């Protein structure tokens, strides 16, 4: 509140009373914000050390008994417990991924990119090429088409600049 403004809750008669009540109730200086840290400053620089909480204690207790837990889990899996077997397999054996075989594909050397894409589609339709491989090859041909366009545009711009260059 700025000096000269009146607090709405007071109805005073003399200027001395106003000044006395005003300085007591309404602060003349703005309130400073407290509790804000400077950027990059920690609120508790000597705080709790990592690894000293309850979770760390539980993990340490489990870590001491891992061989026993694995042996019990293995026993249950061998007795026919499917969930125990699944847990063991999921955590110990990497998941199998489909491996695509490489094949030699004859693409026309002098043909257009359209002819090459047609050859890829024909190979996929005949069963020589997996659909995923065909998609990747056609995407690569599309990228090659963009690169070819950039090369052609660069050559055309260079030719135009050479013919219209000012001496």
C-alpha atoms as a PDB file:
ATOM      1  CA  UNK A   1       0.000   0.000   0.000  1.00  0.00           C
ATOM      2  CA  UNK A   2       1.357   3.433  -0.872  1.00  0.00           C
ATOM      3  CA  UNK A   3       1.553   6.226   1.678  1.00  0.00           C
ATOM      4  CA  UNK A   4      -1.399   8.509   1.229  1.00  0.00           C
ATOM      5  CA  UNK A   5      -3.918   5.720   0.670  1.00  0.00           C
ATOM      6  CA  UNK A   6      -6.308   4.921   3.455  1.00  0.00           C
ATOM      7  CA  UNK A   7      -7.116   1.545   4.900  1.00  0.00           C
ATOM      8  CA  UNK A   8     -10.774   0.948   4.149  1.00  0.00           C
ATOM      9  CA  UNK A   9     -11.430  -0.585   7.555  1.00  0.00           C
ATOM     10  CA  UNK A  10     -10.668   2.615   9.503  1.00  0.00           C
ATOM     11  CA  UNK A  11     -12.767   5.738   9.827  1.00  0.00           C
ATOM     12  CA  UNK A  12     -10.579   8.240  11.654  1.00  0.00           C
ATOM     13  CA  UNK A  13     -11.131  11.928  12.338  1.00  0.00           C
ATOM     14  CA  UNK A  14      -7.791  13.670  12.818  1.00  0.00           C
ATOM     15  CA  UNK A  15      -4.695  13.489  10.628  1.00  0.00           C
ATOM     16  CA  UNK A  16      -2.586  12.478  13.627  1.00  0.00           C
ATOM     17  CA  UNK A  17      -4.872   9.537  14.288  1.00  0.00           C
ATOM     18  CA  UNK A  18      -4.779   8.601  10.620  1.00  0.00           C
ATOM     19  CA  UNK A  19      -0.990   8.697  10.516  1.00  0.00           C
ATOM     20  CA  UNK A  20      -0.674   6.727  13.772  1.00  0.00           C
ATOM     21  CA  UNK A  21      -3.148   4.023  12.739  1.00  0.00           C
ATOM     22  CA  UNK A  22      -1.838   3.977   9.189  1.00  0.00           C
ATOM     23  CA  UNK A  23       1.746   3.281  10.190  1.00  0.00           C
ATOM     24  CA  UNK A  24       0.709   0.616  12.686  1.00  0.00           C
ATOM     25  CA  UNK A  25      -1.754  -1.309  10.555  1.00  0.00           C
ATOM     26  CA  UNK A  26      -0.774  -0.587   6.936  1.00  0.00           C
ATOM     27  CA  UNK A  27       2.850  -1.216   6.116  1.00  0.00           C
ATOM     28  CA  UNK A  28       4.668   1.529   4.296  1.00  0.00           C
ATOM     29  CA  UNK A  29       7.258  -0.856   2.869  1.00  0.00           C
ATOM     30  CA  UNK A  30       6.426  -3.763   0.587  1.00  0.00           C
ATOM     31  CA  UNK A  31       6.565  -7.213   2.127  1.00  0.00           C
ATOM     32  CA  UNK A  32       9.672  -9.084   1.075  1.00  0.00           C
ATOM     33  CA  UNK A  33       9.113 -12.568  -0.319  1.00  0.00           C
ATOM     34  CA  UNK A  34      10.708 -15.227   1.808  1.00  0.00           C
ATOM     35  CA  UNK A  35      11.438 -18.871   1.108  1.00  0.00           C
ATOM     36  CA  UNK A  36      12.588 -18.519  -2.468  1.00  0.00           C
ATOM     37  CA  UNK A  37      15.923 -20.008  -3.448  1.00  0.00           C
ATOM     38  CA  UNK A  38      18.271 -18.471  -5.921  1.00  0.00           C
ATOM     39  CA  UNK A  39      18.593 -20.370  -9.207  1.00  0.00           C
ATOM     40  CA  UNK A  40      21.028 -23.264  -8.803  1.00  0.00           C
ATOM     41  CA  UNK A  41      21.001 -23.066  -5.000  1.00  0.00           C
ATOM     42  CA  UNK A  42      19.967 -26.162  -3.060  1.00  0.00           C
ATOM     43  CA  UNK A  43      17.573 -25.911  -0.164  1.00  0.00           C
ATOM     44  CA  UNK A  44      19.503 -28.523   1.776  1.00  0.00           C
ATOM     45  CA  UNK A  45      23.060 -28.847   0.479  1.00  0.00           C
ATOM     46  CA  UNK A  46      24.080 -31.350   3.173  1.00  0.00           C
ATOM     47  CA  UNK A  47      20.911 -33.418   2.737  1.00  0.00           C
ATOM     48  CA  UNK A  48      20.394 -37.128   3.068  1.00  0.00           C
ATOM     49  CA  UNK A  49      23.008 -39.236   1.346  1.00  0.00           C
ATOM     50  CA  UNK A  50      21.905 -41.493  -1.529  1.00  0.00           C
ATOM     51  CA  UNK A  51      21.264 -45.101  -0.574  1.00  0.00           C
ATOM     52  CA  UNK A  52      20.311 -44.425   3.040  1.00  0.00           C
ATOM     53  CA  UNK A  53      16.502 -44.619   2.721  1.00  0.00           C
ATOM     54  CA  UNK A  54      14.050 -47.440   3.346  1.00  0.00           C
ATOM     55  CA  UNK A  55      14.034 -48.576  -0.288  1.00  0.00           C
ATOM     56  CA  UNK A  56      17.809 -48.998  -0.250  1.00  0.00           C
ATOM     57  CA  UNK A  57      17.567 -51.074   2.927  1.00  0.00           C
ATOM     58  CA  UNK A  58      14.920 -53.327   1.360  1.00  0.00           C
ATOM     59  CA  UNK A  59      17.019 -53.759  -1.794  1.00  0.00           C
ATOM     60  CA  UNK A  60      20.077 -54.648   0.275  1.00  0.00           C
ATOM     61  CA  UNK A  61      18.096 -57.257   2.230  1.00  0.00           C
ATOM     62  CA  UNK A  62      16.787 -58.797  -0.994  1.00  0.00           C
ATOM     63  CA  UNK A  63      20.237 -58.730  -2.612  1.00  0.00           C
ATOM     64  CA  UNK A  64      21.630 -60.855   0.228  1.00  0.00           C
ATOM     65  CA  UNK A  65      19.049 -63.584  -0.451  1.00  0.00           C
ATOM     66  CA  UNK A  66      18.952 -63.566  -4.269  1.00  0.00           C
ATOM     67  CA  UNK A  67      20.482 -67.066  -4.646  1.00  0.00           C
ATOM     68  CA  UNK A  68      17.866 -68.537  -2.305  1.00  0.00           C
ATOM     69  CA  UNK A  69      15.034 -66.702  -4.098  1.00  0.00           C
ATOM     70  CA  UNK A  70      16.223 -67.923  -7.492  1.00  0.00           C
ATOM     71  CA  UNK A  71      16.494 -71.492  -6.236  1.00  0.00           C
ATOM     72  CA  UNK A  72      12.934 -71.355  -4.844  1.00  0.00           C
ATOM     73  CA  UNK A  73      11.639 -69.851  -8.075  1.00  0.00           C
ATOM     74  CA  UNK A  74      13.434 -72.531 -10.100  1.00  0.00           C
ATOM     75  CA  UNK A  75      11.940 -75.264  -7.894  1.00  0.00           C
ATOM     76  CA  UNK A  76       8.412 -73.899  -8.400  1.00  0.00           C
ATOM     77  CA  UNK A  77       8.947 -73.605 -12.156  1.00  0.00           C
ATOM     78  CA  UNK A  78      10.170 -77.229 -12.341  1.00  0.00           C
ATOM     79  CA  UNK A  79       7.131 -78.369 -10.324  1.00  0.00           C
ATOM     80  CA  UNK A  80       4.859 -76.876 -12.993  1.00  0.00           C
ATOM     81  CA  UNK A  81       4.187 -73.330 -11.822  1.00  0.00           C
ATOM     82  CA  UNK A  82       3.706 -71.536 -15.155  1.00  0.00           C
ATOM     83  CA  UNK A  83       3.993 -68.012 -13.750  1.00  0.00           C
ATOM     84  CA  UNK A  84       7.309 -68.863 -12.076  1.00  0.00           C
ATOM     85  CA  UNK A  85       8.603 -70.353 -15.332  1.00  0.00           C
ATOM     86  CA  UNK A  86       7.455 -67.289 -17.283  1.00  0.00           C
ATOM     87  CA  UNK A  87       9.142 -64.948 -14.810  1.00  0.00           C
ATOM     88  CA  UNK A  88      12.399 -66.878 -15.044  1.00  0.00           C
ATOM     89  CA  UNK A  89      12.350 -66.964 -18.831  1.00  0.00           C
ATOM     90  CA  UNK A  90      11.351 -63.305 -19.244  1.00  0.00           C
ATOM     91  CA  UNK A  91      14.129 -62.130 -16.946  1.00  0.00           C
ATOM     92  CA  UNK A  92      16.914 -64.433 -18.065  1.00  0.00           C
ATOM     93  CA  UNK A  93      16.473 -65.112 -21.802  1.00  0.00           C
ATOM     94  CA  UNK A  94      16.432 -62.300 -24.345  1.00  0.00           C
ATOM     95  CA  UNK A  95      13.245 -62.167 -26.416  1.00  0.00           C
ATOM     96  CA  UNK A  96      13.509 -63.735 -29.838  1.00  0.00           C
ATOM     97  CA  UNK A  97      13.301 -61.417 -32.810  1.00  0.00           C
ATOM     98  CA  UNK A  98      12.476 -62.332 -36.336  1.00  0.00           C
ATOM     99  CA  UNK A  99      15.576 -62.510 -38.494  1.00  0.00           C
ATOM    100  CA  UNK A 100      15.095 -61.770 -42.159  1.00  0.00           C
ATOM    101  CA  UNK A 101      17.239 -63.637 -44.626  1.00  0.00           C
ATOM    102  CA  UNK A 102      19.259 -61.703 -47.122  1.00  0.00           C
ATOM    103  CA  UNK A 103      18.549 -62.388 -50.760  1.00  0.00           C
ATOM    104  CA  UNK A 104      20.079 -61.194 -53.970  1.00  0.00           C
ATOM    105  CA  UNK A 105      17.588 -59.058 -55.852  1.00  0.00           C
ATOM    106  CA  UNK A 106      18.196 -58.102 -59.462  1.00  0.00           C
ATOM    107  CA  UNK A 107      17.094 -54.527 -60.082  1.00  0.00           C
ATOM    108  CA  UNK A 108      17.336 -52.958 -63.540  1.00  0.00           C
ATOM    109  CA  UNK A 109      20.509 -50.841 -63.661  1.00  0.00           C
ATOM    110  CA  UNK A 110      19.435 -48.557 -66.465  1.00  0.00           C
ATOM    111  CA  UNK A 111      15.757 -48.445 -65.514  1.00  0.00           C
ATOM    112  CA  UNK A 112      13.919 -45.631 -63.802  1.00  0.00           C
ATOM    113  CA  UNK A 113      13.174 -45.611 -60.095  1.00  0.00           C
ATOM    114  CA  UNK A 114       9.629 -46.652 -60.953  1.00  0.00           C
ATOM    115  CA  UNK A 115      10.953 -49.742 -62.740  1.00  0.00           C
ATOM    116  CA  UNK A 116      13.103 -50.576 -59.719  1.00  0.00           C
ATOM    117  CA  UNK A 117      10.152 -50.202 -57.326  1.00  0.00           C
ATOM    118  CA  UNK A 118       8.075 -52.427 -59.628  1.00  0.00           C
ATOM    119  CA  UNK A 119      10.804 -55.080 -59.518  1.00  0.00           C
ATOM    120  CA  UNK A 120      10.762 -54.945 -55.701  1.00  0.00           C
ATOM    121  CA  UNK A 121       6.977 -55.343 -55.610  1.00  0.00           C
ATOM    122  CA  UNK A 122       7.125 -58.255 -58.070  1.00  0.00           C
ATOM    123  CA  UNK A 123       9.733 -59.995 -55.885  1.00  0.00           C
ATOM    124  CA  UNK A 124       7.520 -59.520 -52.811  1.00  0.00           C
ATOM    125  CA  UNK A 125       4.476 -60.798 -54.675  1.00  0.00           C
ATOM    126  CA  UNK A 126       6.372 -63.896 -55.842  1.00  0.00           C
ATOM    127  CA  UNK A 127       7.484 -64.647 -52.269  1.00  0.00           C
ATOM    128  CA  UNK A 128      11.207 -64.018 -52.786  1.00  0.00           C
ATOM    129  CA  UNK A 129      11.140 -60.968 -50.558  1.00  0.00           C
ATOM    130  CA  UNK A 130       9.456 -60.446 -47.181  1.00  0.00           C
ATOM    131  CA  UNK A 131       6.874 -57.632 -47.102  1.00  0.00           C
ATOM    132  CA  UNK A 132       8.915 -55.740 -44.488  1.00  0.00           C
ATOM    133  CA  UNK A 133      12.002 -55.903 -46.649  1.00  0.00           C
ATOM    134  CA  UNK A 134      10.023 -54.758 -49.688  1.00  0.00           C
ATOM    135  CA  UNK A 135       8.700 -51.776 -47.747  1.00  0.00           C
ATOM    136  CA  UNK A 136      12.179 -50.816 -46.607  1.00  0.00           C
ATOM    137  CA  UNK A 137      13.564 -51.094 -50.143  1.00  0.00           C
ATOM    138  CA  UNK A 138      10.774 -48.959 -51.601  1.00  0.00           C
ATOM    139  CA  UNK A 139      11.322 -46.351 -48.854  1.00  0.00           C
ATOM    140  CA  UNK A 140      15.030 -46.353 -49.746  1.00  0.00           C
ATOM    141  CA  UNK A 141      14.113 -45.850 -53.409  1.00  0.00           C
ATOM    142  CA  UNK A 142      11.926 -42.880 -52.387  1.00  0.00           C
ATOM    143  CA  UNK A 143      14.857 -41.350 -50.521  1.00  0.00           C
ATOM    144  CA  UNK A 144      17.045 -41.951 -53.554  1.00  0.00           C
ATOM    145  CA  UNK A 145      14.470 -40.119 -55.688  1.00  0.00           C
ATOM    146  CA  UNK A 146      14.649 -37.069 -53.409  1.00  0.00           C
ATOM    147  CA  UNK A 147      18.441 -37.075 -53.522  1.00  0.00           C
ATOM    148  CA  UNK A 148      18.328 -37.364 -57.315  1.00  0.00           C
ATOM    149  CA  UNK A 149      15.946 -34.384 -57.505  1.00  0.00           C
ATOM    150  CA  UNK A 150      18.319 -32.256 -55.426  1.00  0.00           C
ATOM    151  CA  UNK A 151      21.242 -33.209 -57.679  1.00  0.00           C
ATOM    152  CA  UNK A 152      19.243 -32.340 -60.809  1.00  0.00           C
ATOM    153  CA  UNK A 153      18.104 -28.993 -59.379  1.00  0.00           C
ATOM    154  CA  UNK A 154      21.672 -28.133 -58.380  1.00  0.00           C
ATOM    155  CA  UNK A 155      22.896 -28.891 -61.905  1.00  0.00           C
ATOM    156  CA  UNK A 156      20.110 -26.773 -63.454  1.00  0.00           C
ATOM    157  CA  UNK A 157      20.794 -23.824 -61.144  1.00  0.00           C
ATOM    158  CA  UNK A 158      24.509 -23.999 -61.898  1.00  0.00           C
ATOM    159  CA  UNK A 159      23.792 -24.012 -65.656  1.00  0.00           C
ATOM    160  CA  UNK A 160      21.404 -21.046 -65.345  1.00  0.00           C
ATOM    161  CA  UNK A 161      23.899 -19.062 -63.293  1.00  0.00           C
ATOM    162  CA  UNK A 162      26.611 -19.757 -65.857  1.00  0.00           C
ATOM    163  CA  UNK A 163      24.468 -18.492 -68.769  1.00  0.00           C
ATOM    164  CA  UNK A 164      23.113 -15.436 -66.987  1.00  0.00           C
ATOM    165  CA  UNK A 165      26.247 -14.399 -65.106  1.00  0.00           C
ATOM    166  CA  UNK A 166      27.119 -10.697 -65.374  1.00  0.00           C
ATOM    167  CA  UNK A 167      30.606  -9.956 -66.697  1.00  0.00           C
END
